[in-house]
Amino acid sequence: MPHPSSQAAQRIEAVSAHLSPNPPPPTMSTEKKPPITCHVLDTSLGRPAASIPVTLTLHNPPSSLSQSGLTFTGTTNSDGRVTSWTPSSPFSADGLDVIFKRAGDQRYSLTFDTESYFGERDVKTFFPEVEVKFVVRDDAKAEHYHVPVLLSPFGYTTYRGS
């Protein structure tokens, strides 16, 4: 019978042989994540809230672009996330990634059409829409801004995510 310490050494050697010394790099998505994202979880069902129309508005765009806000639209996917924004302002064809990089503090809001979401299930909601306002400071534009919303027909909670 082999010595217990040699059995342990053989096991370690066998396991080590299966490990790659240079693991493959993590797979990266070819789609670039926008600088502002959001995520909605329906706490009344305990799952992501899909198909919620969301409007992202920049309230203080440079005056050369618009006197009013610039808007982008998106819809939550099956995981409750907005993964891309479409410009909906007639004054700018620039995407959010371009607008976001412009100098200065930027005041944004995310508006979630909760009435249409709950209406699909014949649920009457107290909040027909949820609006979350926030500021992106000029010196923090290298950061990603993620805004999760926990939602039910009679309440919501939000915070700055990661």
C-alpha atoms as a PDB file:
ATOM      1  CA  MET A   1       0.000   0.000   0.000  1.00  0.00           C
ATOM      2  CA  PRO A   2       1.456   3.424  -1.013  1.00  0.00           C
ATOM      3  CA  HIS A   3       2.304   5.908   1.698  1.00  0.00           C
ATOM      4  CA  PRO A   4      -0.546   8.485   2.373  1.00  0.00           C
ATOM      5  CA  SER A   5       1.713  11.423   1.562  1.00  0.00           C
ATOM      6  CA  SER A   6       2.597   9.906  -1.832  1.00  0.00           C
ATOM      7  CA  GLN A   7      -1.124   9.368  -2.534  1.00  0.00           C
ATOM      8  CA  ALA A   8      -1.757  13.055  -1.815  1.00  0.00           C
ATOM      9  CA  ALA A   9       1.129  14.034  -4.071  1.00  0.00           C
ATOM     10  CA  GLN A  10      -0.266  11.856  -6.880  1.00  0.00           C
ATOM     11  CA  ARG A  11      -3.709  13.466  -6.518  1.00  0.00           C
ATOM     12  CA  ILE A  12      -2.248  16.957  -6.608  1.00  0.00           C
ATOM     13  CA  GLU A  13      -0.220  16.026  -9.688  1.00  0.00           C
ATOM     14  CA  ALA A  14      -3.308  14.559 -11.413  1.00  0.00           C
ATOM     15  CA  VAL A  15      -5.415  17.646 -10.667  1.00  0.00           C
ATOM     16  CA  SER A  16      -2.592  19.962 -11.732  1.00  0.00           C
ATOM     17  CA  ALA A  17      -2.305  18.161 -15.060  1.00  0.00           C
ATOM     18  CA  HIS A  18      -5.924  19.123 -15.812  1.00  0.00           C
ATOM     19  CA  LEU A  19      -5.395  22.782 -15.042  1.00  0.00           C
ATOM     20  CA  SER A  20      -4.257  25.022 -17.843  1.00  0.00           C
ATOM     21  CA  PRO A  21      -1.241  27.168 -16.897  1.00  0.00           C
ATOM     22  CA  ASN A  22      -2.616  29.966 -19.086  1.00  0.00           C
ATOM     23  CA  PRO A  23      -6.393  30.007 -18.889  1.00  0.00           C
ATOM     24  CA  PRO A  24      -8.134  31.513 -21.900  1.00  0.00           C
ATOM     25  CA  PRO A  25      -9.050  35.174 -21.496  1.00  0.00           C
ATOM     26  CA  PRO A  26     -12.646  35.849 -20.508  1.00  0.00           C
ATOM     27  CA  THR A  27     -14.927  36.188 -23.495  1.00  0.00           C
ATOM     28  CA  MET A  28     -15.822  39.772 -24.228  1.00  0.00           C
ATOM     29  CA  SER A  29     -19.034  40.876 -25.813  1.00  0.00           C
ATOM     30  CA  THR A  30     -18.553  42.660 -29.105  1.00  0.00           C
ATOM     31  CA  GLU A  31     -21.332  45.051 -28.151  1.00  0.00           C
ATOM     32  CA  LYS A  32     -20.055  47.984 -26.108  1.00  0.00           C
ATOM     33  CA  LYS A  33     -22.028  48.770 -22.969  1.00  0.00           C
ATOM     34  CA  PRO A  34     -23.474  52.308 -22.932  1.00  0.00           C
ATOM     35  CA  PRO A  35     -22.173  54.674 -20.223  1.00  0.00           C
ATOM     36  CA  ILE A  36     -25.618  54.687 -18.558  1.00  0.00           C
ATOM     37  CA  THR A  37     -27.606  51.501 -18.033  1.00  0.00           C
ATOM     38  CA  CYS A  38     -30.622  50.500 -15.976  1.00  0.00           C
ATOM     39  CA  HIS A  39     -32.234  47.358 -14.680  1.00  0.00           C
ATOM     40  CA  VAL A  40     -35.797  46.777 -13.427  1.00  0.00           C
ATOM     41  CA  LEU A  41     -36.829  43.953 -11.120  1.00  0.00           C
ATOM     42  CA  ASP A  42     -40.524  43.365 -10.413  1.00  0.00           C
ATOM     43  CA  THR A  43     -40.555  42.596  -6.692  1.00  0.00           C
ATOM     44  CA  SER A  44     -44.238  41.614  -6.808  1.00  0.00           C
ATOM     45  CA  LEU A  45     -43.310  38.692  -9.094  1.00  0.00           C
ATOM     46  CA  GLY A  46     -39.732  38.151  -7.994  1.00  0.00           C
ATOM     47  CA  ARG A  47     -38.299  38.413 -11.512  1.00  0.00           C
ATOM     48  CA  PRO A  48     -36.976  40.895 -14.087  1.00  0.00           C
ATOM     49  CA  ALA A  49     -39.481  43.328 -15.577  1.00  0.00           C
ATOM     50  CA  ALA A  50     -39.402  42.917 -19.364  1.00  0.00           C
ATOM     51  CA  SER A  51     -40.790  45.268 -22.034  1.00  0.00           C
ATOM     52  CA  ILE A  52     -40.859  48.487 -20.012  1.00  0.00           C
ATOM     53  CA  PRO A  53     -40.399  51.554 -22.232  1.00  0.00           C
ATOM     54  CA  VAL A  54     -37.681  53.781 -20.756  1.00  0.00           C
ATOM     55  CA  THR A  55     -36.717  57.337 -21.688  1.00  0.00           C
ATOM     56  CA  LEU A  56     -33.287  58.731 -20.814  1.00  0.00           C
ATOM     57  CA  THR A  57     -33.207  62.529 -20.879  1.00  0.00           C
ATOM     58  CA  LEU A  58     -30.204  64.848 -20.676  1.00  0.00           C
ATOM     59  CA  HIS A  59     -31.746  67.971 -19.139  1.00  0.00           C
ATOM     60  CA  ASN A  60     -28.835  70.382 -19.622  1.00  0.00           C
ATOM     61  CA  PRO A  61     -27.378  69.713 -23.065  1.00  0.00           C
ATOM     62  CA  PRO A  62     -24.970  72.232 -24.595  1.00  0.00           C
ATOM     63  CA  SER A  63     -27.013  75.103 -26.039  1.00  0.00           C
ATOM     64  CA  SER A  64     -25.535  74.373 -29.469  1.00  0.00           C
ATOM     65  CA  LEU A  65     -27.449  71.074 -29.476  1.00  0.00           C
ATOM     66  CA  SER A  66     -30.809  71.956 -27.991  1.00  0.00           C
ATOM     67  CA  GLN A  67     -32.572  74.447 -25.762  1.00  0.00           C
ATOM     68  CA  SER A  68     -34.603  71.635 -24.240  1.00  0.00           C
ATOM     69  CA  GLY A  69     -33.440  68.175 -23.235  1.00  0.00           C
ATOM     70  CA  LEU A  70     -31.963  65.502 -25.434  1.00  0.00           C
ATOM     71  CA  THR A  71     -33.775  62.184 -25.203  1.00  0.00           C
ATOM     72  CA  PHE A  72     -32.921  58.570 -25.856  1.00  0.00           C
ATOM     73  CA  THR A  73     -35.282  55.622 -25.717  1.00  0.00           C
ATOM     74  CA  GLY A  74     -34.924  51.976 -24.860  1.00  0.00           C
ATOM     75  CA  THR A  75     -36.976  49.011 -23.670  1.00  0.00           C
ATOM     76  CA  THR A  76     -36.094  46.545 -20.956  1.00  0.00           C
ATOM     77  CA  ASN A  77     -35.170  43.117 -22.300  1.00  0.00           C
ATOM     78  CA  SER A  78     -36.135  39.715 -20.875  1.00  0.00           C
ATOM     79  CA  ASP A  79     -33.579  40.266 -18.101  1.00  0.00           C
ATOM     80  CA  GLY A  80     -35.122  43.659 -17.237  1.00  0.00           C
ATOM     81  CA  ARG A  81     -32.152  45.591 -18.659  1.00  0.00           C
ATOM     82  CA  VAL A  82     -31.809  48.359 -21.219  1.00  0.00           C
ATOM     83  CA  THR A  83     -28.718  47.437 -23.226  1.00  0.00           C
ATOM     84  CA  SER A  84     -28.835  50.196 -25.860  1.00  0.00           C
ATOM     85  CA  TRP A  85     -30.265  53.681 -26.297  1.00  0.00           C
ATOM     86  CA  THR A  86     -31.708  55.188 -29.482  1.00  0.00           C
ATOM     87  CA  PRO A  87     -31.566  58.987 -29.930  1.00  0.00           C
ATOM     88  CA  SER A  88     -35.100  60.330 -30.208  1.00  0.00           C
ATOM     89  CA  SER A  89     -34.312  64.038 -30.293  1.00  0.00           C
ATOM     90  CA  PRO A  90     -34.667  65.684 -33.684  1.00  0.00           C
ATOM     91  CA  PHE A  91     -31.678  67.915 -32.892  1.00  0.00           C
ATOM     92  CA  SER A  92     -29.010  65.260 -32.512  1.00  0.00           C
ATOM     93  CA  ALA A  93     -28.037  62.099 -34.293  1.00  0.00           C
ATOM     94  CA  ASP A  94     -25.163  61.620 -31.830  1.00  0.00           C
ATOM     95  CA  GLY A  95     -25.334  58.545 -29.669  1.00  0.00           C
ATOM     96  CA  LEU A  96     -25.215  58.617 -25.904  1.00  0.00           C
ATOM     97  CA  ASP A  97     -21.537  57.650 -25.872  1.00  0.00           C
ATOM     98  CA  VAL A  98     -20.675  60.864 -27.789  1.00  0.00           C
ATOM     99  CA  ILE A  99     -22.994  63.148 -25.782  1.00  0.00           C
ATOM    100  CA  PHE A 100     -21.808  61.648 -22.486  1.00  0.00           C
ATOM    101  CA  LYS A 101     -18.164  62.605 -23.179  1.00  0.00           C
ATOM    102  CA  ARG A 102     -18.909  66.305 -23.625  1.00  0.00           C
ATOM    103  CA  ALA A 103     -17.457  68.610 -20.973  1.00  0.00           C
ATOM    104  CA  GLY A 104     -19.396  69.676 -17.896  1.00  0.00           C
ATOM    105  CA  ASP A 105     -21.715  68.171 -15.325  1.00  0.00           C
ATOM    106  CA  GLN A 106     -24.754  66.517 -16.903  1.00  0.00           C
ATOM    107  CA  ARG A 107     -28.206  66.175 -15.338  1.00  0.00           C
ATOM    108  CA  TYR A 108     -30.127  63.094 -16.464  1.00  0.00           C
ATOM    109  CA  SER A 109     -33.408  61.390 -15.737  1.00  0.00           C
ATOM    110  CA  LEU A 110     -34.657  57.903 -16.457  1.00  0.00           C
ATOM    111  CA  THR A 111     -38.433  57.645 -16.890  1.00  0.00           C
ATOM    112  CA  PHE A 112     -39.987  54.181 -16.727  1.00  0.00           C
ATOM    113  CA  ASP A 113     -43.485  53.700 -18.197  1.00  0.00           C
ATOM    114  CA  THR A 114     -44.784  51.503 -15.385  1.00  0.00           C
ATOM    115  CA  GLU A 115     -48.450  51.988 -16.278  1.00  0.00           C
ATOM    116  CA  SER A 116     -48.043  50.202 -19.618  1.00  0.00           C
ATOM    117  CA  TYR A 117     -45.993  47.443 -17.976  1.00  0.00           C
ATOM    118  CA  PHE A 118     -48.537  46.702 -15.255  1.00  0.00           C
ATOM    119  CA  GLY A 119     -51.451  47.326 -17.638  1.00  0.00           C
ATOM    120  CA  GLU A 120     -50.315  44.349 -19.744  1.00  0.00           C
ATOM    121  CA  ARG A 121     -51.212  42.180 -16.730  1.00  0.00           C
ATOM    122  CA  ASP A 122     -54.382  44.139 -15.866  1.00  0.00           C
ATOM    123  CA  VAL A 123     -52.745  45.437 -12.690  1.00  0.00           C
ATOM    124  CA  LYS A 124     -53.579  48.977 -11.634  1.00  0.00           C
ATOM    125  CA  THR A 125     -50.474  50.767 -10.412  1.00  0.00           C
ATOM    126  CA  PHE A 126     -50.300  53.746  -8.088  1.00  0.00           C
ATOM    127  CA  PHE A 127     -47.270  55.096  -9.973  1.00  0.00           C
ATOM    128  CA  PRO A 128     -47.999  55.413 -13.730  1.00  0.00           C
ATOM    129  CA  GLU A 129     -44.349  56.267 -14.256  1.00  0.00           C
ATOM    130  CA  VAL A 130     -41.178  56.279 -12.216  1.00  0.00           C
ATOM    131  CA  GLU A 131     -38.673  59.067 -12.791  1.00  0.00           C
ATOM    132  CA  VAL A 132     -35.164  58.878 -11.391  1.00  0.00           C
ATOM    133  CA  LYS A 133     -32.999  62.016 -11.664  1.00  0.00           C
ATOM    134  CA  PHE A 134     -29.230  61.977 -11.219  1.00  0.00           C
ATOM    135  CA  VAL A 135     -26.073  63.957 -11.995  1.00  0.00           C
ATOM    136  CA  VAL A 136     -22.977  62.782 -13.834  1.00  0.00           C
ATOM    137  CA  ARG A 137     -20.110  64.981 -12.641  1.00  0.00           C
ATOM    138  CA  ASP A 138     -17.531  66.105 -15.186  1.00  0.00           C
ATOM    139  CA  ASP A 139     -14.666  64.635 -13.159  1.00  0.00           C
ATOM    140  CA  ALA A 140     -16.380  61.212 -12.959  1.00  0.00           C
ATOM    141  CA  LYS A 141     -17.118  60.543 -16.626  1.00  0.00           C
ATOM    142  CA  ALA A 142     -14.732  57.576 -16.686  1.00  0.00           C
ATOM    143  CA  GLU A 143     -17.173  55.728 -14.424  1.00  0.00           C
ATOM    144  CA  HIS A 144     -20.126  53.623 -15.519  1.00  0.00           C
ATOM    145  CA  TYR A 145     -23.585  54.662 -14.274  1.00  0.00           C
ATOM    146  CA  HIS A 146     -26.042  51.849 -13.543  1.00  0.00           C
ATOM    147  CA  VAL A 147     -29.480  52.606 -12.080  1.00  0.00           C
ATOM    148  CA  PRO A 148     -31.430  49.594 -10.794  1.00  0.00           C
ATOM    149  CA  VAL A 149     -35.104  49.943  -9.898  1.00  0.00           C
ATOM    150  CA  LEU A 150     -36.997  47.526  -7.654  1.00  0.00           C
ATOM    151  CA  LEU A 151     -40.633  47.882  -8.669  1.00  0.00           C
ATOM    152  CA  SER A 152     -44.090  46.848  -7.494  1.00  0.00           C
ATOM    153  CA  PRO A 153     -47.533  48.309  -8.276  1.00  0.00           C
ATOM    154  CA  PHE A 154     -47.455  50.420  -5.098  1.00  0.00           C
ATOM    155  CA  GLY A 155     -43.818  51.291  -4.581  1.00  0.00           C
ATOM    156  CA  TYR A 156     -40.314  51.435  -5.954  1.00  0.00           C
ATOM    157  CA  THR A 157     -36.746  51.744  -4.749  1.00  0.00           C
ATOM    158  CA  THR A 158     -33.674  52.806  -6.636  1.00  0.00           C
ATOM    159  CA  TYR A 159     -29.966  53.226  -6.029  1.00  0.00           C
ATOM    160  CA  ARG A 160     -26.710  53.687  -7.866  1.00  0.00           C
ATOM    161  CA  GLY A 161     -25.533  50.253  -8.891  1.00  0.00           C
ATOM    162  CA  SER A 162     -22.279  49.047 -10.340  1.00  0.00           C
END
